[in-house]
């Protein structure tokens, strides 16, 4: 009993979107590195630092951290407790993976919900950065997007784990 065509297609699409977002995160990480190098160079060579550079890098970190979540999960690169779980039978491992996926899905739902609430609050209160006056609310949407993608990946992991647990 394998996955049908529709779940396989959904899994491929979710993995592809996660991969693209992961690549975006990598590109932004490179931009952060170049911005930091430019900041140091301009500060020490010309005594002309980039105004708000630290804030720019802090905001870019949101993209790197949250857009890469789903990609890591889809590749199985997230933190696991293999020392203990690896000693169980394959079926017990899949049951553990199923429980883990359910827990992560629940956490994702809460974080997505709170990200939208916080974004709305930040927009209404006009929260913005101190130096560059960049509004905070769009970054909560980035957090929500990252967790929405992670939620989708974990749903595919859940389905696969359930199928494997039933098969074994």
N, C-alpha and C. Protein backbone atom coordinates (compact mmCIF):
# COMPACT_ATOMS: atom_id res chain seq x y z
N UNK A 1 0.85 -1.18 0.00
CA UNK A 1 0.00 0.00 0.00
C UNK A 1 0.89 1.24 0.00
N UNK A 2 0.91 1.96 -1.08
CA UNK A 2 1.73 3.17 -1.17
C UNK A 2 0.86 4.41 -1.23
N UNK A 3 1.50 5.51 -1.34
CA UNK A 3 0.75 6.76 -1.50
C UNK A 3 0.11 6.80 -2.87
N UNK A 4 -1.09 7.36 -2.96
CA UNK A 4 -1.74 7.52 -4.25
C UNK A 4 -1.07 8.63 -5.03
N UNK A 5 -1.55 8.85 -6.25
CA UNK A 5 -0.94 9.86 -7.11
C UNK A 5 -1.13 11.27 -6.56
N UNK A 6 -2.32 11.58 -6.04
CA UNK A 6 -2.58 12.93 -5.51
C UNK A 6 -1.68 13.25 -4.31
N UNK A 7 -1.57 12.34 -3.30
CA UNK A 7 -0.66 12.64 -2.19
C UNK A 7 0.80 12.75 -2.63
N UNK A 8 1.19 11.92 -3.60
CA UNK A 8 2.58 12.00 -4.09
C UNK A 8 2.82 13.33 -4.78
N UNK A 9 1.85 13.78 -5.56
CA UNK A 9 1.98 15.07 -6.23
C UNK A 9 2.03 16.20 -5.20
N UNK A 10 1.16 16.15 -4.21
CA UNK A 10 1.15 17.17 -3.15
C UNK A 10 2.48 17.17 -2.41
N UNK A 11 3.00 15.98 -2.11
CA UNK A 11 4.29 15.86 -1.43
C UNK A 11 5.40 16.49 -2.26
N UNK A 12 5.42 16.20 -3.57
CA UNK A 12 6.45 16.77 -4.45
C UNK A 12 6.34 18.29 -4.51
N UNK A 13 5.12 18.80 -4.60
CA UNK A 13 4.93 20.26 -4.68
C UNK A 13 5.38 20.92 -3.38
N UNK A 14 4.98 20.34 -2.25
CA UNK A 14 5.37 20.91 -0.95
C UNK A 14 6.88 20.87 -0.79
N UNK A 15 7.51 19.77 -1.17
CA UNK A 15 8.97 19.67 -1.07
C UNK A 15 9.65 20.69 -1.99
N UNK A 16 9.10 20.89 -3.18
CA UNK A 16 9.68 21.85 -4.12
C UNK A 16 9.57 23.28 -3.58
N UNK A 17 8.39 23.63 -3.06
CA UNK A 17 8.21 24.96 -2.48
C UNK A 17 9.16 25.15 -1.30
N UNK A 18 9.28 24.12 -0.46
CA UNK A 18 10.19 24.19 0.69
C UNK A 18 11.63 24.37 0.23
N UNK A 19 12.00 23.66 -0.83
CA UNK A 19 13.36 23.77 -1.38
C UNK A 19 13.62 25.18 -1.89
N UNK A 20 12.65 25.75 -2.61
CA UNK A 20 12.80 27.11 -3.13
C UNK A 20 12.95 28.11 -1.98
N UNK A 21 12.11 27.97 -0.94
CA UNK A 21 12.21 28.87 0.21
C UNK A 21 13.55 28.69 0.93
N UNK A 22 14.02 27.45 0.98
CA UNK A 22 15.34 27.20 1.57
C UNK A 22 16.45 27.88 0.77
N UNK A 23 16.32 27.85 -0.55
CA UNK A 23 17.31 28.53 -1.40
C UNK A 23 17.22 30.05 -1.21
N UNK A 24 16.02 30.57 -1.07
CA UNK A 24 15.86 32.00 -0.79
C UNK A 24 16.56 32.34 0.53
N UNK A 25 16.39 31.47 1.52
CA UNK A 25 17.06 31.69 2.81
C UNK A 25 18.58 31.70 2.66
N UNK A 26 19.09 30.80 1.85
CA UNK A 26 20.54 30.74 1.61
C UNK A 26 21.02 32.01 0.91
N UNK A 27 20.28 32.47 -0.07
CA UNK A 27 20.65 33.71 -0.78
C UNK A 27 20.64 34.90 0.18
N UNK A 28 19.62 34.96 1.03
CA UNK A 28 19.56 36.05 2.01
C UNK A 28 20.71 35.96 2.99
N UNK A 29 21.12 34.75 3.35
CA UNK A 29 22.27 34.58 4.23
C UNK A 29 23.53 35.14 3.58
N UNK A 30 23.68 34.91 2.28
CA UNK A 30 24.83 35.47 1.54
C UNK A 30 24.75 37.00 1.54
N UNK A 31 23.55 37.54 1.33
CA UNK A 31 23.36 38.99 1.37
C UNK A 31 23.75 39.53 2.75
N UNK A 32 23.35 38.83 3.80
CA UNK A 32 23.73 39.25 5.15
C UNK A 32 25.24 39.28 5.33
N UNK A 33 25.89 38.25 4.80
CA UNK A 33 27.34 38.18 4.91
C UNK A 33 28.00 39.35 4.16
N UNK A 34 27.53 39.61 2.95
CA UNK A 34 28.09 40.70 2.16
C UNK A 34 27.82 42.06 2.81
N UNK A 35 26.64 42.22 3.37
CA UNK A 35 26.29 43.46 4.07
C UNK A 35 27.19 43.66 5.28
N UNK A 36 27.47 42.59 6.00
CA UNK A 36 28.36 42.68 7.16
C UNK A 36 29.78 43.05 6.74
N UNK A 37 30.26 42.41 5.68
CA UNK A 37 31.60 42.72 5.17
C UNK A 37 31.67 44.18 4.71
N UNK A 38 30.65 44.63 3.99
CA UNK A 38 30.63 46.03 3.54
C UNK A 38 30.59 46.98 4.72
N UNK A 39 29.81 46.64 5.73
CA UNK A 39 29.73 47.47 6.94
C UNK A 39 31.09 47.61 7.61
N UNK A 40 31.77 46.50 7.80
CA UNK A 40 33.09 46.52 8.45
C UNK A 40 34.08 47.30 7.59
N UNK A 41 34.08 47.05 6.29
CA UNK A 41 35.00 47.74 5.39
C UNK A 41 34.77 49.26 5.42
N UNK A 42 33.52 49.66 5.25
CA UNK A 42 33.21 51.10 5.23
C UNK A 42 33.48 51.76 6.58
N UNK A 43 33.24 51.04 7.64
CA UNK A 43 33.46 51.60 8.97
C UNK A 43 34.95 51.84 9.24
N UNK A 44 35.77 50.86 8.93
CA UNK A 44 37.18 50.95 9.29
C UNK A 44 38.06 51.61 8.23
N UNK A 45 37.68 51.57 6.98
CA UNK A 45 38.49 52.17 5.93
C UNK A 45 38.09 53.63 5.69
N UNK A 46 36.78 53.88 5.62
CA UNK A 46 36.31 55.24 5.31
C UNK A 46 35.63 55.94 6.48
N UNK A 47 35.55 55.26 7.61
CA UNK A 47 34.87 55.78 8.79
C UNK A 47 33.43 56.20 8.46
N UNK A 48 32.78 55.44 7.56
CA UNK A 48 31.41 55.71 7.12
C UNK A 48 30.59 54.42 7.22
N UNK A 49 30.10 54.07 8.40
CA UNK A 49 29.33 52.83 8.52
C UNK A 49 27.98 52.95 7.80
N UNK A 50 27.37 51.81 7.54
CA UNK A 50 26.04 51.77 6.94
C UNK A 50 25.03 52.01 8.06
N UNK A 51 24.27 53.06 7.95
CA UNK A 51 23.29 53.41 8.97
C UNK A 51 22.22 52.32 9.06
N UNK A 52 22.01 51.77 10.23
CA UNK A 52 20.99 50.75 10.44
C UNK A 52 21.39 49.35 9.99
N UNK A 53 22.66 49.14 9.75
CA UNK A 53 23.11 47.82 9.25
C UNK A 53 22.72 46.70 10.20
N UNK A 54 22.87 46.92 11.48
CA UNK A 54 22.51 45.89 12.45
C UNK A 54 21.03 45.55 12.37
N UNK A 55 20.19 46.56 12.21
CA UNK A 55 18.76 46.30 12.08
C UNK A 55 18.45 45.53 10.80
N UNK A 56 19.08 45.90 9.71
CA UNK A 56 18.86 45.17 8.45
C UNK A 56 19.20 43.69 8.62
N UNK A 57 20.34 43.43 9.25
CA UNK A 57 20.78 42.05 9.43
C UNK A 57 19.84 41.30 10.37
N UNK A 58 19.39 41.98 11.43
CA UNK A 58 18.43 41.33 12.34
C UNK A 58 17.15 40.95 11.60
N UNK A 59 16.65 41.82 10.77
CA UNK A 59 15.43 41.51 10.03
C UNK A 59 15.66 40.44 8.97
N UNK A 60 16.81 40.45 8.35
CA UNK A 60 17.11 39.40 7.38
C UNK A 60 17.24 38.03 8.05
N UNK A 61 17.65 38.02 9.32
CA UNK A 61 17.74 36.75 10.05
C UNK A 61 16.38 36.07 10.17
N UNK A 62 15.33 36.85 10.23
CA UNK A 62 13.98 36.28 10.29
C UNK A 62 13.74 35.43 9.04
N UNK A 63 14.12 35.95 7.88
CA UNK A 63 13.94 35.20 6.63
C UNK A 63 14.78 33.92 6.65
N UNK A 64 16.03 34.05 7.05
CA UNK A 64 16.92 32.88 7.04
C UNK A 64 16.40 31.80 7.98
N UNK A 65 16.03 32.20 9.18
CA UNK A 65 15.60 31.22 10.17
C UNK A 65 14.29 30.54 9.84
N UNK A 66 13.31 31.31 9.41
CA UNK A 66 11.98 30.75 9.26
C UNK A 66 11.68 30.21 7.87
N UNK A 67 12.32 30.73 6.84
CA UNK A 67 12.10 30.17 5.51
C UNK A 67 12.84 28.85 5.32
N UNK A 68 13.85 28.62 6.15
CA UNK A 68 14.62 27.37 6.05
C UNK A 68 14.04 26.21 6.85
N UNK A 69 13.05 26.48 7.70
CA UNK A 69 12.49 25.43 8.57
C UNK A 69 11.95 24.25 7.78
N UNK A 70 11.07 24.53 6.84
CA UNK A 70 10.42 23.45 6.09
C UNK A 70 11.42 22.66 5.26
N UNK A 71 12.38 23.36 4.70
CA UNK A 71 13.39 22.69 3.89
C UNK A 71 14.17 21.69 4.74
N UNK A 72 14.57 22.13 5.94
CA UNK A 72 15.29 21.22 6.84
C UNK A 72 14.43 20.01 7.21
N UNK A 73 13.16 20.27 7.52
CA UNK A 73 12.27 19.17 7.89
C UNK A 73 12.04 18.21 6.72
N UNK A 74 11.90 18.75 5.51
CA UNK A 74 11.66 17.88 4.35
C UNK A 74 12.88 17.03 4.03
N UNK A 75 14.06 17.52 4.38
CA UNK A 75 15.30 16.75 4.15
C UNK A 75 15.64 15.85 5.35
N UNK A 76 14.86 15.96 6.43
CA UNK A 76 15.15 15.18 7.63
C UNK A 76 16.35 15.70 8.39
N UNK A 77 16.66 16.98 8.23
CA UNK A 77 17.86 17.55 8.85
C UNK A 77 17.57 18.23 10.19
N UNK A 78 16.34 18.11 10.67
CA UNK A 78 16.01 18.71 11.95
C UNK A 78 16.51 17.82 13.09
N UNK A 79 16.47 18.32 14.28
CA UNK A 79 17.01 17.60 15.43
C UNK A 79 16.13 16.40 15.74
N UNK A 80 16.76 15.25 15.95
CA UNK A 80 16.04 14.02 16.27
C UNK A 80 16.69 13.37 17.48
N UNK A 81 15.94 12.49 18.13
CA UNK A 81 16.47 11.74 19.27
C UNK A 81 16.70 10.31 18.80
N UNK A 82 17.72 10.13 17.98
CA UNK A 82 18.01 8.81 17.39
C UNK A 82 18.59 7.84 18.41
N UNK A 83 19.26 8.33 19.41
CA UNK A 83 19.90 7.45 20.38
C UNK A 83 18.88 6.53 21.05
N UNK A 84 17.75 7.06 21.41
CA UNK A 84 16.71 6.28 22.08
C UNK A 84 15.79 5.59 21.09
N UNK A 85 15.28 6.33 20.13
CA UNK A 85 14.28 5.80 19.20
C UNK A 85 14.88 4.75 18.27
N UNK A 86 16.14 4.88 17.94
CA UNK A 86 16.80 3.93 17.05
C UNK A 86 16.85 2.52 17.59
N UNK A 87 16.65 2.35 18.88
CA UNK A 87 16.69 1.02 19.49
C UNK A 87 15.35 0.28 19.37
N UNK A 88 14.30 0.99 18.99
CA UNK A 88 12.97 0.38 18.88
C UNK A 88 12.81 -0.31 17.53
N UNK A 89 11.74 -1.10 17.42
CA UNK A 89 11.42 -1.75 16.15
C UNK A 89 11.01 -0.67 15.14
N UNK A 90 10.99 -1.06 13.86
CA UNK A 90 10.63 -0.09 12.82
C UNK A 90 9.22 0.44 13.02
N UNK A 91 8.31 -0.44 13.41
CA UNK A 91 6.93 0.00 13.64
C UNK A 91 6.87 0.99 14.81
N UNK A 92 7.57 0.71 15.89
CA UNK A 92 7.59 1.62 17.04
C UNK A 92 8.21 2.96 16.64
N UNK A 93 9.23 2.92 15.80
CA UNK A 93 9.84 4.17 15.33
C UNK A 93 8.84 4.98 14.52
N UNK A 94 8.06 4.33 13.67
CA UNK A 94 7.06 5.04 12.87
C UNK A 94 5.93 5.59 13.76
N UNK A 95 5.58 4.86 14.80
CA UNK A 95 4.58 5.37 15.75
C UNK A 95 5.13 6.61 16.45
N UNK A 96 6.40 6.56 16.83
CA UNK A 96 7.04 7.73 17.44
C UNK A 96 7.08 8.89 16.45
N UNK A 97 7.42 8.61 15.20
CA UNK A 97 7.43 9.66 14.16
C UNK A 97 6.04 10.26 13.97
N UNK A 98 5.02 9.42 14.03
CA UNK A 98 3.64 9.90 13.91
C UNK A 98 3.29 10.83 15.06
N UNK A 99 3.62 10.42 16.29
CA UNK A 99 3.35 11.27 17.46
C UNK A 99 4.13 12.57 17.38
N UNK A 100 5.37 12.48 16.93
CA UNK A 100 6.20 13.68 16.78
C UNK A 100 5.60 14.63 15.75
N UNK A 101 5.16 14.08 14.62
CA UNK A 101 4.56 14.90 13.57
C UNK A 101 3.30 15.59 14.08
N UNK A 102 2.47 14.87 14.85
CA UNK A 102 1.26 15.46 15.41
C UNK A 102 1.59 16.61 16.36
N UNK A 103 2.62 16.41 17.18
CA UNK A 103 3.04 17.46 18.12
C UNK A 103 3.54 18.69 17.36
N UNK A 104 4.37 18.48 16.37
CA UNK A 104 4.91 19.60 15.58
C UNK A 104 3.77 20.31 14.84
N UNK A 105 2.82 19.57 14.32
CA UNK A 105 1.67 20.17 13.64
C UNK A 105 0.90 21.07 14.60
N UNK A 106 0.67 20.58 15.82
CA UNK A 106 -0.05 21.39 16.82
C UNK A 106 0.72 22.66 17.16
N UNK A 107 2.02 22.54 17.32
CA UNK A 107 2.85 23.71 17.62
C UNK A 107 2.83 24.69 16.45
N UNK A 108 2.90 24.17 15.23
CA UNK A 108 2.84 25.04 14.05
C UNK A 108 1.55 25.83 14.00
N UNK A 109 0.43 25.17 14.29
CA UNK A 109 -0.86 25.85 14.26
C UNK A 109 -0.88 27.01 15.26
N UNK A 110 -0.38 26.77 16.46
CA UNK A 110 -0.35 27.83 17.48
C UNK A 110 0.56 28.97 17.04
N UNK A 111 1.73 28.66 16.52
CA UNK A 111 2.67 29.72 16.11
C UNK A 111 2.12 30.50 14.91
N UNK A 112 1.48 29.82 13.97
CA UNK A 112 0.88 30.51 12.82
C UNK A 112 -0.20 31.47 13.31
N UNK A 113 -1.06 30.99 14.16
CA UNK A 113 -2.14 31.81 14.71
C UNK A 113 -1.58 33.03 15.44
N UNK A 114 -0.61 32.80 16.32
CA UNK A 114 -0.03 33.91 17.10
C UNK A 114 0.74 34.87 16.19
N UNK A 115 1.36 34.38 15.15
CA UNK A 115 2.09 35.27 14.22
C UNK A 115 1.13 36.23 13.55
N UNK A 116 -0.03 35.74 13.14
CA UNK A 116 -1.02 36.63 12.53
C UNK A 116 -1.57 37.63 13.54
N UNK A 117 -1.81 37.18 14.76
CA UNK A 117 -2.30 38.09 15.81
C UNK A 117 -1.25 39.17 16.09
N UNK A 118 0.00 38.76 16.26
CA UNK A 118 1.07 39.73 16.55
C UNK A 118 1.28 40.68 15.39
N UNK A 119 1.19 40.17 14.17
CA UNK A 119 1.34 41.03 13.00
C UNK A 119 0.26 42.10 12.97
N UNK A 120 -0.95 41.69 13.24
CA UNK A 120 -2.05 42.65 13.26
C UNK A 120 -1.84 43.70 14.36
N UNK A 121 -1.42 43.24 15.55
CA UNK A 121 -1.14 44.18 16.65
C UNK A 121 -0.02 45.15 16.27
N UNK A 122 1.04 44.62 15.69
CA UNK A 122 2.18 45.47 15.32
C UNK A 122 1.78 46.49 14.25
N UNK A 123 0.90 46.08 13.35
CA UNK A 123 0.42 47.00 12.32
C UNK A 123 -0.45 48.09 12.92
N UNK A 124 -1.34 47.71 13.81
CA UNK A 124 -2.25 48.69 14.42
C UNK A 124 -1.52 49.68 15.33
N UNK A 125 -0.50 49.20 16.02
CA UNK A 125 0.25 50.06 16.94
C UNK A 125 1.37 50.82 16.22
N UNK A 126 1.63 50.45 14.98
CA UNK A 126 2.69 51.06 14.17
C UNK A 126 4.08 50.81 14.78
N UNK A 127 4.31 49.56 15.21
CA UNK A 127 5.63 49.21 15.70
C UNK A 127 6.61 49.24 14.55
N UNK A 128 7.75 49.86 14.79
CA UNK A 128 8.78 49.97 13.76
C UNK A 128 10.14 49.98 14.42
N UNK A 129 11.15 49.72 13.63
CA UNK A 129 12.51 49.72 14.16
C UNK A 129 12.92 51.13 14.57
N UNK A 130 13.88 51.20 15.44
CA UNK A 130 14.29 52.47 16.02
C UNK A 130 15.04 53.37 15.03
N UNK A 131 15.99 52.81 14.33
CA UNK A 131 16.86 53.62 13.47
C UNK A 131 16.28 53.79 12.07
N UNK A 132 15.87 52.68 11.45
CA UNK A 132 15.45 52.73 10.05
C UNK A 132 13.94 52.89 9.88
N UNK A 133 13.20 52.80 10.96
CA UNK A 133 11.74 52.95 10.95
C UNK A 133 11.05 51.91 10.05
N UNK A 134 11.63 50.73 9.95
CA UNK A 134 11.03 49.62 9.20
C UNK A 134 9.92 49.03 10.06
N UNK A 135 8.69 48.89 9.51
CA UNK A 135 7.60 48.31 10.30
C UNK A 135 7.86 46.84 10.62
N UNK A 136 7.41 46.41 11.79
CA UNK A 136 7.64 45.04 12.24
C UNK A 136 6.66 44.04 11.65
N UNK A 137 5.44 44.47 11.36
CA UNK A 137 4.39 43.50 11.04
C UNK A 137 4.68 42.58 9.86
N UNK A 138 5.36 43.01 8.80
CA UNK A 138 5.60 42.05 7.70
C UNK A 138 6.45 40.86 8.12
N UNK A 139 7.29 41.05 9.11
CA UNK A 139 8.18 39.97 9.53
C UNK A 139 7.42 38.88 10.28
N UNK A 140 6.32 39.25 10.91
CA UNK A 140 5.47 38.23 11.52
C UNK A 140 4.82 37.37 10.44
N UNK A 141 4.54 37.96 9.28
CA UNK A 141 4.00 37.18 8.17
C UNK A 141 5.05 36.21 7.63
N UNK A 142 6.30 36.61 7.65
CA UNK A 142 7.38 35.70 7.23
C UNK A 142 7.45 34.51 8.18
N UNK A 143 7.32 34.79 9.48
CA UNK A 143 7.30 33.71 10.48
C UNK A 143 6.12 32.78 10.20
N UNK A 144 4.96 33.36 9.96
CA UNK A 144 3.77 32.55 9.66
C UNK A 144 3.99 31.71 8.41
N UNK A 145 4.55 32.31 7.35
CA UNK A 145 4.81 31.58 6.11
C UNK A 145 5.74 30.40 6.37
N UNK A 146 6.81 30.63 7.12
CA UNK A 146 7.74 29.56 7.43
C UNK A 146 7.06 28.41 8.15
N UNK A 147 6.19 28.73 9.10
CA UNK A 147 5.50 27.69 9.84
C UNK A 147 4.36 27.05 9.04
N UNK A 148 3.76 27.78 8.13
CA UNK A 148 2.76 27.17 7.24
C UNK A 148 3.44 26.11 6.37
N UNK A 149 4.61 26.45 5.83
CA UNK A 149 5.35 25.47 5.03
C UNK A 149 5.78 24.28 5.87
N UNK A 150 6.24 24.54 7.10
CA UNK A 150 6.62 23.45 8.00
C UNK A 150 5.40 22.58 8.31
N UNK A 151 4.26 23.21 8.52
CA UNK A 151 3.02 22.47 8.78
C UNK A 151 2.71 21.53 7.61
N UNK A 152 2.81 22.03 6.39
CA UNK A 152 2.53 21.20 5.21
C UNK A 152 3.51 20.03 5.11
N UNK A 153 4.79 20.31 5.37
CA UNK A 153 5.80 19.23 5.33
C UNK A 153 5.48 18.19 6.40
N UNK A 154 5.11 18.65 7.59
CA UNK A 154 4.84 17.70 8.67
C UNK A 154 3.57 16.89 8.41
N UNK A 155 2.62 17.46 7.69
CA UNK A 155 1.43 16.67 7.31
C UNK A 155 1.85 15.54 6.38
N UNK A 156 2.75 15.82 5.44
CA UNK A 156 3.22 14.74 4.55
C UNK A 156 4.02 13.70 5.34
N UNK A 157 4.83 14.16 6.30
CA UNK A 157 5.58 13.23 7.16
C UNK A 157 4.60 12.37 7.96
N UNK A 158 3.55 12.99 8.47
CA UNK A 158 2.54 12.26 9.24
C UNK A 158 1.88 11.17 8.40
N UNK A 159 1.48 11.52 7.19
CA UNK A 159 0.82 10.55 6.31
C UNK A 159 1.78 9.39 6.00
N UNK A 160 3.01 9.70 5.69
CA UNK A 160 3.99 8.64 5.38
C UNK A 160 4.24 7.75 6.59
N UNK A 161 4.35 8.36 7.78
CA UNK A 161 4.60 7.58 9.00
C UNK A 161 3.41 6.69 9.32
N UNK A 162 2.21 7.21 9.14
CA UNK A 162 1.02 6.39 9.38
C UNK A 162 0.97 5.20 8.44
N UNK A 163 1.26 5.45 7.17
CA UNK A 163 1.25 4.36 6.18
C UNK A 163 2.30 3.32 6.53
N UNK A 164 3.50 3.76 6.89
CA UNK A 164 4.57 2.81 7.26
C UNK A 164 4.22 2.05 8.54
N UNK A 165 3.63 2.73 9.52
CA UNK A 165 3.28 2.07 10.77
C UNK A 165 2.21 1.01 10.55
N UNK A 166 1.25 1.29 9.68
CA UNK A 166 0.19 0.33 9.39
C UNK A 166 0.74 -0.84 8.59
N UNK A 167 1.67 -0.58 7.68
CA UNK A 167 2.27 -1.63 6.85
C UNK A 167 3.08 -2.63 7.67
N UNK A 168 3.77 -2.14 8.69
CA UNK A 168 4.71 -3.00 9.42
C UNK A 168 4.04 -3.78 10.52
